[in-house]
Amino acid sequence: MSDDLENIVKQGDYRESLIALRDYVAHELQGNRCNTCRMSQLRTGDTASLVLRLQKIIEDIRAIPDPNEEVDEFDALIAREAPWASTPSNLPPPADGS
């Protein structure tokens, strides 16, 4: 898996690198679980660090648009024309129209 991660990161695509890093961290967390009790064999601090890093990586991936995802015509128009288009998508437009 590290060869895949290394090759993907060397390609320079930030989003794909984050996805590969997400998969690597998830694999490390899964791979260090006891086969009997399914508890992590990592130290508590290491597990917490990896889980927090995984959460941040997932957030970073979600913040980058997928270049293969189709964009709705309305969304494309809003992104092109609206002055508030750079605000997070979960915020409504300003009530005063500014």
PDB file of N, CA and C in Angstrom:
ATOM      1  N   MET A   1       0.817  -1.191   0.000  1.00  0.00           N
ATOM      2  CA  MET A   1       0.000   0.000   0.000  1.00  0.00           C
ATOM      3  C   MET A   1       0.860   1.254   0.000  1.00  0.00           C
ATOM      4  N   SER A   2       2.008   1.265   0.689  1.00  0.00           N
ATOM      5  CA  SER A   2       2.843   2.460   0.731  1.00  0.00           C
ATOM      6  C   SER A   2       3.393   2.804  -0.648  1.00  0.00           C
ATOM      7  N   ASP A   3       3.626   1.785  -1.506  1.00  0.00           N
ATOM      8  CA  ASP A   3       4.066   2.076  -2.868  1.00  0.00           C
ATOM      9  C   ASP A   3       2.990   2.835  -3.621  1.00  0.00           C
ATOM     10  N   ASP A   4       1.726   2.427  -3.447  1.00  0.00           N
ATOM     11  CA  ASP A   4       0.626   3.120  -4.090  1.00  0.00           C
ATOM     12  C   ASP A   4       0.546   4.558  -3.596  1.00  0.00           C
ATOM     13  N   LEU A   5       0.638   4.741  -2.290  1.00  0.00           N
ATOM     14  CA  LEU A   5       0.581   6.069  -1.697  1.00  0.00           C
ATOM     15  C   LEU A   5       1.719   6.925  -2.238  1.00  0.00           C
ATOM     16  N   GLU A   6       2.905   6.387  -2.248  1.00  0.00           N
ATOM     17  CA  GLU A   6       4.075   7.129  -2.730  1.00  0.00           C
ATOM     18  C   GLU A   6       3.902   7.540  -4.192  1.00  0.00           C
ATOM     19  N   ASN A   7       3.460   6.628  -5.028  1.00  0.00           N
ATOM     20  CA  ASN A   7       3.279   6.938  -6.449  1.00  0.00           C
ATOM     21  C   ASN A   7       2.194   7.980  -6.679  1.00  0.00           C
ATOM     22  N   ILE A   8       1.116   7.871  -5.952  1.00  0.00           N
ATOM     23  CA  ILE A   8       0.027   8.831  -6.107  1.00  0.00           C
ATOM     24  C   ILE A   8       0.470  10.219  -5.666  1.00  0.00           C
ATOM     25  N   VAL A   9       1.167  10.300  -4.541  1.00  0.00           N
ATOM     26  CA  VAL A   9       1.638  11.592  -4.046  1.00  0.00           C
ATOM     27  C   VAL A   9       2.636  12.213  -5.035  1.00  0.00           C
ATOM     28  N   LYS A  10       3.490  11.389  -5.622  1.00  0.00           N
ATOM     29  CA  LYS A  10       4.466  11.896  -6.590  1.00  0.00           C
ATOM     30  C   LYS A  10       3.809  12.480  -7.831  1.00  0.00           C
ATOM     31  N   GLN A  11       2.577  12.039  -8.160  1.00  0.00           N
ATOM     32  CA  GLN A  11       1.877  12.565  -9.331  1.00  0.00           C
ATOM     33  C   GLN A  11       1.459  14.017  -9.136  1.00  0.00           C
ATOM     34  N   GLY A  12       1.342  14.447  -7.894  1.00  0.00           N
ATOM     35  CA  GLY A  12       1.083  15.851  -7.613  1.00  0.00           C
ATOM     36  C   GLY A  12      -0.373  16.279  -7.560  1.00  0.00           C
ATOM     37  N   ASP A  13      -1.305  15.368  -7.725  1.00  0.00           N
ATOM     38  CA  ASP A  13      -2.720  15.721  -7.632  1.00  0.00           C
ATOM     39  C   ASP A  13      -3.100  15.738  -6.151  1.00  0.00           C
ATOM     40  N   TYR A  14      -3.404  16.932  -5.641  1.00  0.00           N
ATOM     41  CA  TYR A  14      -3.652  17.096  -4.209  1.00  0.00           C
ATOM     42  C   TYR A  14      -4.845  16.273  -3.731  1.00  0.00           C
ATOM     43  N   ARG A  15      -5.944  16.321  -4.458  1.00  0.00           N
ATOM     44  CA  ARG A  15      -7.142  15.581  -4.053  1.00  0.00           C
ATOM     45  C   ARG A  15      -6.885  14.081  -4.047  1.00  0.00           C
ATOM     46  N   GLU A  16      -6.262  13.576  -5.098  1.00  0.00           N
ATOM     47  CA  GLU A  16      -5.958  12.140  -5.162  1.00  0.00           C
ATOM     48  C   GLU A  16      -4.959  11.740  -4.073  1.00  0.00           C
ATOM     49  N   SER A  17      -4.032  12.625  -3.755  1.00  0.00           N
ATOM     50  CA  SER A  17      -3.081  12.351  -2.668  1.00  0.00           C
ATOM     51  C   SER A  17      -3.805  12.252  -1.338  1.00  0.00           C
ATOM     52  N   LEU A  18      -4.763  13.142  -1.107  1.00  0.00           N
ATOM     53  CA  LEU A  18      -5.545  13.079   0.129  1.00  0.00           C
ATOM     54  C   LEU A  18      -6.348  11.788   0.211  1.00  0.00           C
ATOM     55  N   ILE A  19      -6.913  11.376  -0.903  1.00  0.00           N
ATOM     56  CA  ILE A  19      -7.687  10.126  -0.926  1.00  0.00           C
ATOM     57  C   ILE A  19      -6.781   8.941  -0.610  1.00  0.00           C
ATOM     58  N   ALA A  20      -5.601   8.921  -1.202  1.00  0.00           N
ATOM     59  CA  ALA A  20      -4.644   7.835  -0.928  1.00  0.00           C
ATOM     60  C   ALA A  20      -4.203   7.862   0.535  1.00  0.00           C
ATOM     61  N   LEU A  21      -4.003   9.058   1.068  1.00  0.00           N
ATOM     62  CA  LEU A  21      -3.609   9.190   2.471  1.00  0.00           C
ATOM     63  C   LEU A  21      -4.746   8.746   3.392  1.00  0.00           C
ATOM     64  N   ARG A  22      -5.971   9.092   3.039  1.00  0.00           N
ATOM     65  CA  ARG A  22      -7.135   8.637   3.807  1.00  0.00           C
ATOM     66  C   ARG A  22      -7.186   7.109   3.853  1.00  0.00           C
ATOM     67  N   ASP A  23      -7.001   6.497   2.691  1.00  0.00           N
ATOM     68  CA  ASP A  23      -7.039   5.035   2.607  1.00  0.00           C
ATOM     69  C   ASP A  23      -5.908   4.409   3.421  1.00  0.00           C
ATOM     70  N   TYR A  24      -4.739   5.041   3.389  1.00  0.00           N
ATOM     71  CA  TYR A  24      -3.590   4.527   4.144  1.00  0.00           C
ATOM     72  C   TYR A  24      -3.855   4.594   5.649  1.00  0.00           C
ATOM     73  N   VAL A  25      -4.344   5.736   6.123  1.00  0.00           N
ATOM     74  CA  VAL A  25      -4.600   5.890   7.557  1.00  0.00           C
ATOM     75  C   VAL A  25      -5.696   4.916   7.999  1.00  0.00           C
ATOM     76  N   ALA A  26      -6.745   4.789   7.205  1.00  0.00           N
ATOM     77  CA  ALA A  26      -7.811   3.834   7.544  1.00  0.00           C
ATOM     78  C   ALA A  26      -7.274   2.409   7.582  1.00  0.00           C
ATOM     79  N   HIS A  27      -6.402   2.077   6.637  1.00  0.00           N
ATOM     80  CA  HIS A  27      -5.787   0.747   6.601  1.00  0.00           C
ATOM     81  C   HIS A  27      -4.936   0.512   7.847  1.00  0.00           C
ATOM     82  N   GLU A  28      -4.188   1.522   8.265  1.00  0.00           N
ATOM     83  CA  GLU A  28      -3.360   1.395   9.471  1.00  0.00           C
ATOM     84  C   GLU A  28      -4.221   1.194  10.714  1.00  0.00           C
ATOM     85  N   LEU A  29      -5.296   1.943  10.802  1.00  0.00           N
ATOM     86  CA  LEU A  29      -6.188   1.778  11.958  1.00  0.00           C
ATOM     87  C   LEU A  29      -6.818   0.387  11.965  1.00  0.00           C
ATOM     88  N   GLN A  30      -7.263  -0.071  10.814  1.00  0.00           N
ATOM     89  CA  GLN A  30      -7.888  -1.394  10.711  1.00  0.00           C
ATOM     90  C   GLN A  30      -6.865  -2.505  10.936  1.00  0.00           C
ATOM     91  N   GLY A  31      -5.678  -2.340  10.393  1.00  0.00           N
ATOM     92  CA  GLY A  31      -4.654  -3.377  10.466  1.00  0.00           C
ATOM     93  C   GLY A  31      -4.060  -3.575  11.843  1.00  0.00           C
ATOM     94  N   ASN A  32      -4.250  -2.611  12.723  1.00  0.00           N
ATOM     95  CA  ASN A  32      -3.693  -2.710  14.069  1.00  0.00           C
ATOM     96  C   ASN A  32      -4.749  -3.061  15.110  1.00  0.00           C
ATOM     97  N   ARG A  33      -5.767  -3.794  14.670  1.00  0.00           N
ATOM     98  CA  ARG A  33      -6.794  -4.247  15.596  1.00  0.00           C
ATOM     99  C   ARG A  33      -6.573  -5.716  15.929  1.00  0.00           C
ATOM    100  N   CYS A  34      -6.832  -6.069  17.173  1.00  0.00           N
ATOM    101  CA  CYS A  34      -6.709  -7.448  17.623  1.00  0.00           C
ATOM    102  C   CYS A  34      -7.745  -8.306  16.909  1.00  0.00           C
ATOM    103  N   ASN A  35      -7.324  -9.456  16.403  1.00  0.00           N
ATOM    104  CA  ASN A  35      -8.249 -10.344  15.688  1.00  0.00           C
ATOM    105  C   ASN A  35      -9.297 -10.959  16.608  1.00  0.00           C
ATOM    106  N   THR A  36      -8.998 -11.043  17.893  1.00  0.00           N
ATOM    107  CA  THR A  36      -9.925 -11.657  18.845  1.00  0.00           C
ATOM    108  C   THR A  36     -10.942 -10.654  19.374  1.00  0.00           C
ATOM    109  N   CYS A  37     -10.444  -9.557  19.954  1.00  0.00           N
ATOM    110  CA  CYS A  37     -11.363  -8.605  20.607  1.00  0.00           C
ATOM    111  C   CYS A  37     -11.664  -7.374  19.750  1.00  0.00           C
ATOM    112  N   ARG A  38     -10.970  -7.206  18.628  1.00  0.00           N
ATOM    113  CA  ARG A  38     -11.156  -6.101  17.687  1.00  0.00           C
ATOM    114  C   ARG A  38     -10.763  -4.734  18.247  1.00  0.00           C
ATOM    115  N   MET A  39     -10.098  -4.724  19.402  1.00  0.00           N
ATOM    116  CA  MET A  39      -9.608  -3.467  19.980  1.00  0.00           C
ATOM    117  C   MET A  39      -8.289  -3.098  19.308  1.00  0.00           C
ATOM    118  N   SER A  40      -7.995  -1.817  19.291  1.00  0.00           N
ATOM    119  CA  SER A  40      -6.758  -1.352  18.693  1.00  0.00           C
ATOM    120  C   SER A  40      -5.570  -1.812  19.519  1.00  0.00           C
ATOM    121  N   GLN A  41      -4.506  -2.199  18.821  1.00  0.00           N
ATOM    122  CA  GLN A  41      -3.276  -2.582  19.496  1.00  0.00           C
ATOM    123  C   GLN A  41      -2.299  -1.410  19.559  1.00  0.00           C
ATOM    124  N   LEU A  42      -2.708  -0.285  19.023  1.00  0.00           N
ATOM    125  CA  LEU A  42      -1.889   0.915  19.086  1.00  0.00           C
ATOM    126  C   LEU A  42      -2.058   1.573  20.449  1.00  0.00           C
ATOM    127  N   ARG A  43      -1.085   2.401  20.820  1.00  0.00           N
ATOM    128  CA  ARG A  43      -1.239   3.166  22.051  1.00  0.00           C
ATOM    129  C   ARG A  43      -2.405   4.137  21.869  1.00  0.00           C
ATOM    130  N   THR A  44      -3.059   4.458  22.957  1.00  0.00           N
ATOM    131  CA  THR A  44      -4.239   5.322  22.905  1.00  0.00           C
ATOM    132  C   THR A  44      -3.941   6.633  22.196  1.00  0.00           C
ATOM    133  N   GLY A  45      -2.819   7.240  22.486  1.00  0.00           N
ATOM    134  CA  GLY A  45      -2.444   8.504  21.849  1.00  0.00           C
ATOM    135  C   GLY A  45      -2.241   8.355  20.360  1.00  0.00           C
ATOM    136  N   ASP A  46      -1.652   7.233  19.946  1.00  0.00           N
ATOM    137  CA  ASP A  46      -1.443   6.984  18.518  1.00  0.00           C
ATOM    138  C   ASP A  46      -2.772   6.799  17.796  1.00  0.00           C
ATOM    139  N   THR A  47      -3.670   6.049  18.416  1.00  0.00           N
ATOM    140  CA  THR A  47      -4.989   5.831  17.815  1.00  0.00           C
ATOM    141  C   THR A  47      -5.736   7.157  17.710  1.00  0.00           C
ATOM    142  N   ALA A  48      -5.728   7.928  18.786  1.00  0.00           N
ATOM    143  CA  ALA A  48      -6.425   9.218  18.779  1.00  0.00           C
ATOM    144  C   ALA A  48      -5.849  10.137  17.705  1.00  0.00           C
ATOM    145  N   SER A  49      -4.556  10.153  17.580  1.00  0.00           N
ATOM    146  CA  SER A  49      -3.902  10.992  16.579  1.00  0.00           C
ATOM    147  C   SER A  49      -4.307  10.586  15.163  1.00  0.00           C
ATOM    148  N   LEU A  50      -4.299   9.283  14.897  1.00  0.00           N
ATOM    149  CA  LEU A  50      -4.683   8.798  13.573  1.00  0.00           C
ATOM    150  C   LEU A  50      -6.157   9.069  13.272  1.00  0.00           C
ATOM    151  N   VAL A  51      -7.009   8.901  14.262  1.00  0.00           N
ATOM    152  CA  VAL A  51      -8.432   9.147  14.061  1.00  0.00           C
ATOM    153  C   VAL A  51      -8.676  10.632  13.774  1.00  0.00           C
ATOM    154  N   LEU A  52      -8.031  11.513  14.517  1.00  0.00           N
ATOM    155  CA  LEU A  52      -8.179  12.951  14.268  1.00  0.00           C
ATOM    156  C   LEU A  52      -7.617  13.337  12.907  1.00  0.00           C
ATOM    157  N   ARG A  53      -6.490  12.738  12.543  1.00  0.00           N
ATOM    158  CA  ARG A  53      -5.907  13.010  11.228  1.00  0.00           C
ATOM    159  C   ARG A  53      -6.842  12.522  10.125  1.00  0.00           C
ATOM    160  N   LEU A  54      -7.431  11.352  10.317  1.00  0.00           N
ATOM    161  CA  LEU A  54      -8.367  10.811   9.333  1.00  0.00           C
ATOM    162  C   LEU A  54      -9.568  11.736   9.178  1.00  0.00           C
ATOM    163  N   GLN A  55     -10.085  12.233  10.282  1.00  0.00           N
ATOM    164  CA  GLN A  55     -11.219  13.155  10.231  1.00  0.00           C
ATOM    165  C   GLN A  55     -10.852  14.411   9.443  1.00  0.00           C
ATOM    166  N   LYS A  56      -9.679  14.958   9.682  1.00  0.00           N
ATOM    167  CA  LYS A  56      -9.231  16.167   8.976  1.00  0.00           C
ATOM    168  C   LYS A  56      -9.044  15.889   7.484  1.00  0.00           C
ATOM    169  N   ILE A  57      -8.484  14.742   7.154  1.00  0.00           N
ATOM    170  CA  ILE A  57      -8.284  14.375   5.744  1.00  0.00           C
ATOM    171  C   ILE A  57      -9.637  14.267   5.037  1.00  0.00           C
ATOM    172  N   ILE A  58     -10.608  13.648   5.689  1.00  0.00           N
ATOM    173  CA  ILE A  58     -11.938  13.510   5.100  1.00  0.00           C
ATOM    174  C   ILE A  58     -12.558  14.891   4.868  1.00  0.00           C
ATOM    175  N   GLU A  59     -12.415  15.786   5.838  1.00  0.00           N
ATOM    176  CA  GLU A  59     -12.924  17.156   5.672  1.00  0.00           C
ATOM    177  C   GLU A  59     -12.236  17.848   4.496  1.00  0.00           C
ATOM    178  N   ASP A  60     -10.927  17.682   4.385  1.00  0.00           N
ATOM    179  CA  ASP A  60     -10.176  18.308   3.294  1.00  0.00           C
ATOM    180  C   ASP A  60     -10.616  17.768   1.931  1.00  0.00           C
ATOM    181  N   ILE A  61     -10.877  16.482   1.859  1.00  0.00           N
ATOM    182  CA  ILE A  61     -11.334  15.878   0.600  1.00  0.00           C
ATOM    183  C   ILE A  61     -12.700  16.452   0.228  1.00  0.00           C
ATOM    184  N   ARG A  62     -13.582  16.541   1.197  1.00  0.00           N
ATOM    185  CA  ARG A  62     -14.931  17.060   0.925  1.00  0.00           C
ATOM    186  C   ARG A  62     -14.899  18.516   0.469  1.00  0.00           C
ATOM    187  N   ALA A  63     -13.878  19.257   0.873  1.00  0.00           N
ATOM    188  CA  ALA A  63     -13.778  20.677   0.511  1.00  0.00           C
ATOM    189  C   ALA A  63     -13.293  20.881  -0.928  1.00  0.00           C
ATOM    190  N   ILE A  64     -12.730  19.853  -1.524  1.00  0.00           N
ATOM    191  CA  ILE A  64     -12.218  19.958  -2.890  1.00  0.00           C
ATOM    192  C   ILE A  64     -13.229  19.308  -3.829  1.00  0.00           C
ATOM    193  N   PRO A  65     -13.737  20.060  -4.792  1.00  0.00           N
ATOM    194  CA  PRO A  65     -14.710  19.473  -5.718  1.00  0.00           C
ATOM    195  C   PRO A  65     -14.110  18.301  -6.500  1.00  0.00           C
ATOM    196  N   ASP A  66     -14.933  17.294  -6.714  1.00  0.00           N
ATOM    197  CA  ASP A  66     -14.519  16.154  -7.527  1.00  0.00           C
ATOM    198  C   ASP A  66     -14.581  16.587  -8.988  1.00  0.00           C
ATOM    199  N   PRO A  67     -13.459  16.548  -9.706  1.00  0.00           N
ATOM    200  CA  PRO A  67     -13.473  17.012 -11.094  1.00  0.00           C
ATOM    201  C   PRO A  67     -14.343  16.141 -12.011  1.00  0.00           C
ATOM    202  N   ASN A  68     -14.667  14.947 -11.604  1.00  0.00           N
ATOM    203  CA  ASN A  68     -15.495  14.047 -12.408  1.00  0.00           C
ATOM    204  C   ASN A  68     -16.983  14.168 -12.090  1.00  0.00           C
ATOM    205  N   GLU A  69     -17.305  14.948 -11.074  1.00  0.00           N
ATOM    206  CA  GLU A  69     -18.695  15.094 -10.658  1.00  0.00           C
ATOM    207  C   GLU A  69     -19.388  16.131 -11.538  1.00  0.00           C
ATOM    208  N   GLU A  70     -20.598  15.793 -11.985  1.00  0.00           N
ATOM    209  CA  GLU A  70     -21.353  16.730 -12.810  1.00  0.00           C
ATOM    210  C   GLU A  70     -21.840  17.884 -11.952  1.00  0.00           C
ATOM    211  N   VAL A  71     -21.820  19.062 -12.543  1.00  0.00           N
ATOM    212  CA  VAL A  71     -22.283  20.250 -11.851  1.00  0.00           C
ATOM    213  C   VAL A  71     -23.636  20.644 -12.422  1.00  0.00           C
ATOM    214  N   ASP A  72     -24.587  20.827 -11.545  1.00  0.00           N
ATOM    215  CA  ASP A  72     -25.921  21.274 -11.934  1.00  0.00           C
ATOM    216  C   ASP A  72     -25.804  22.644 -12.606  1.00  0.00           C
ATOM    217  N   GLU A  73     -26.593  22.889 -13.657  1.00  0.00           N
ATOM    218  CA  GLU A  73     -26.523  24.158 -14.388  1.00  0.00           C
ATOM    219  C   GLU A  73     -26.778  25.350 -13.471  1.00  0.00           C
ATOM    220  N   PHE A  74     -27.735  25.218 -12.565  1.00  0.00           N
ATOM    221  CA  PHE A  74     -28.028  26.301 -11.637  1.00  0.00           C
ATOM    222  C   PHE A  74     -26.831  26.578 -10.737  1.00  0.00           C
ATOM    223  N   ASP A  75     -26.223  25.505 -10.202  1.00  0.00           N
ATOM    224  CA  ASP A  75     -25.050  25.679  -9.349  1.00  0.00           C
ATOM    225  C   ASP A  75     -23.912  26.341 -10.109  1.00  0.00           C
ATOM    226  N   ALA A  76     -23.728  25.972 -11.368  1.00  0.00           N
ATOM    227  CA  ALA A  76     -22.674  26.575 -12.182  1.00  0.00           C
ATOM    228  C   ALA A  76     -22.946  28.061 -12.393  1.00  0.00           C
ATOM    229  N   LEU A  77     -24.205  28.404 -12.639  1.00  0.00           N
ATOM    230  CA  LEU A  77     -24.580  29.801 -12.831  1.00  0.00           C
ATOM    231  C   LEU A  77     -24.335  30.598 -11.549  1.00  0.00           C
ATOM    232  N   ILE A  78     -24.761  30.055 -10.428  1.00  0.00           N
ATOM    233  CA  ILE A  78     -24.565  30.735  -9.145  1.00  0.00           C
ATOM    234  C   ILE A  78     -23.078  30.929  -8.873  1.00  0.00           C
ATOM    235  N   ALA A  79     -22.295  29.897  -9.079  1.00  0.00           N
ATOM    236  CA  ALA A  79     -20.854  29.989  -8.828  1.00  0.00           C
ATOM    237  C   ALA A  79     -20.206  31.047  -9.713  1.00  0.00           C
ATOM    238  N   ARG A  80     -20.730  31.211 -10.923  1.00  0.00           N
ATOM    239  CA  ARG A  80     -20.154  32.168 -11.868  1.00  0.00           C
ATOM    240  C   ARG A  80     -20.635  33.589 -11.608  1.00  0.00           C
ATOM    241  N   GLU A  81     -21.907  33.755 -11.209  1.00  0.00           N
ATOM    242  CA  GLU A  81     -22.516  35.083 -11.156  1.00  0.00           C
ATOM    243  C   GLU A  81     -22.688  35.674  -9.759  1.00  0.00           C
ATOM    244  N   ALA A  82     -22.877  34.860  -8.759  1.00  0.00           N
ATOM    245  CA  ALA A  82     -23.220  35.388  -7.437  1.00  0.00           C
ATOM    246  C   ALA A  82     -21.989  35.876  -6.689  1.00  0.00           C
ATOM    247  N   PRO A  83     -22.078  37.064  -6.079  1.00  0.00           N
ATOM    248  CA  PRO A  83     -20.925  37.578  -5.335  1.00  0.00           C
ATOM    249  C   PRO A  83     -20.632  36.765  -4.078  1.00  0.00           C
ATOM    250  N   TRP A  84     -21.615  36.034  -3.573  1.00  0.00           N
ATOM    251  CA  TRP A  84     -21.424  35.239  -2.365  1.00  0.00           C
ATOM    252  C   TRP A  84     -21.123  33.782  -2.683  1.00  0.00           C
ATOM    253  N   ALA A  85     -20.827  33.462  -3.930  1.00  0.00           N
ATOM    254  CA  ALA A  85     -20.636  32.078  -4.360  1.00  0.00           C
ATOM    255  C   ALA A  85     -19.461  31.402  -3.682  1.00  0.00           C
ATOM    256  N   SER A  86     -18.522  32.162  -3.169  1.00  0.00           N
ATOM    257  CA  SER A  86     -17.366  31.540  -2.535  1.00  0.00           C
ATOM    258  C   SER A  86     -17.640  31.156  -1.087  1.00  0.00           C
ATOM    259  N   THR A  87     -18.822  31.506  -0.567  1.00  0.00           N
ATOM    260  CA  THR A  87     -19.163  31.109   0.790  1.00  0.00           C
ATOM    261  C   THR A  87     -19.510  29.629   0.816  1.00  0.00           C
ATOM    262  N   PRO A  88     -19.422  29.003   1.966  1.00  0.00           N
ATOM    263  CA  PRO A  88     -19.767  27.579   2.052  1.00  0.00           C
ATOM    264  C   PRO A  88     -21.172  27.314   1.533  1.00  0.00           C
ATOM    265  N   SER A  89     -21.353  26.193   0.880  1.00  0.00           N
ATOM    266  CA  SER A  89     -22.623  25.868   0.236  1.00  0.00           C
ATOM    267  C   SER A  89     -23.774  25.690   1.216  1.00  0.00           C
ATOM    268  N   ASN A  90     -23.484  25.480   2.488  1.00  0.00           N
ATOM    269  CA  ASN A  90     -24.564  25.275   3.455  1.00  0.00           C
ATOM    270  C   ASN A  90     -25.105  26.586   4.020  1.00  0.00           C
ATOM    271  N   LEU A  91     -24.535  27.726   3.602  1.00  0.00           N
ATOM    272  CA  LEU A  91     -25.037  29.013   4.041  1.00  0.00           C
ATOM    273  C   LEU A  91     -26.006  29.581   3.009  1.00  0.00           C
ATOM    274  N   PRO A  92     -27.130  30.123   3.471  1.00  0.00           N
ATOM    275  CA  PRO A  92     -28.077  30.719   2.511  1.00  0.00           C
ATOM    276  C   PRO A  92     -27.517  32.045   2.001  1.00  0.00           C
ATOM    277  N   PRO A  93     -28.031  32.511   0.855  1.00  0.00           N
ATOM    278  CA  PRO A  93     -27.568  33.792   0.335  1.00  0.00           C
ATOM    279  C   PRO A  93     -27.977  34.916   1.275  1.00  0.00           C
ATOM    280  N   PRO A  94     -27.291  36.039   1.225  1.00  0.00           N
ATOM    281  CA  PRO A  94     -27.651  37.167   2.094  1.00  0.00           C
ATOM    282  C   PRO A  94     -29.081  37.623   1.827  1.00  0.00           C
ATOM    283  N   ALA A  95     -29.811  37.985   2.856  1.00  0.00           N
ATOM    284  CA  ALA A  95     -31.203  38.416   2.723  1.00  0.00           C
ATOM    285  C   ALA A  95     -31.323  39.732   1.997  1.00  0.00           C
ATOM    286  N   ASP A  96     -30.311  40.588   2.134  1.00  0.00           N
ATOM    287  CA  ASP A  96     -30.375  41.905   1.488  1.00  0.00           C
ATOM    288  C   ASP A  96     -29.886  41.895   0.045  1.00  0.00           C
ATOM    289  N   GLY A  97     -29.478  40.736  -0.431  1.00  0.00           N
ATOM    290  CA  GLY A  97     -29.037  40.590  -1.812  1.00  0.00           C
ATOM    291  C   GLY A  97     -27.620  41.044  -2.065  1.00  0.00           C
ATOM    292  N   SER A  98     -26.908  41.462  -1.031  1.00  0.00           N
ATOM    293  CA  SER A  98     -25.530  41.925  -1.234  1.00  0.00           C
ATOM    294  C   SER A  98     -24.535  40.808  -1.148  1.00  0.00           C
TER     295      SER A  98
END
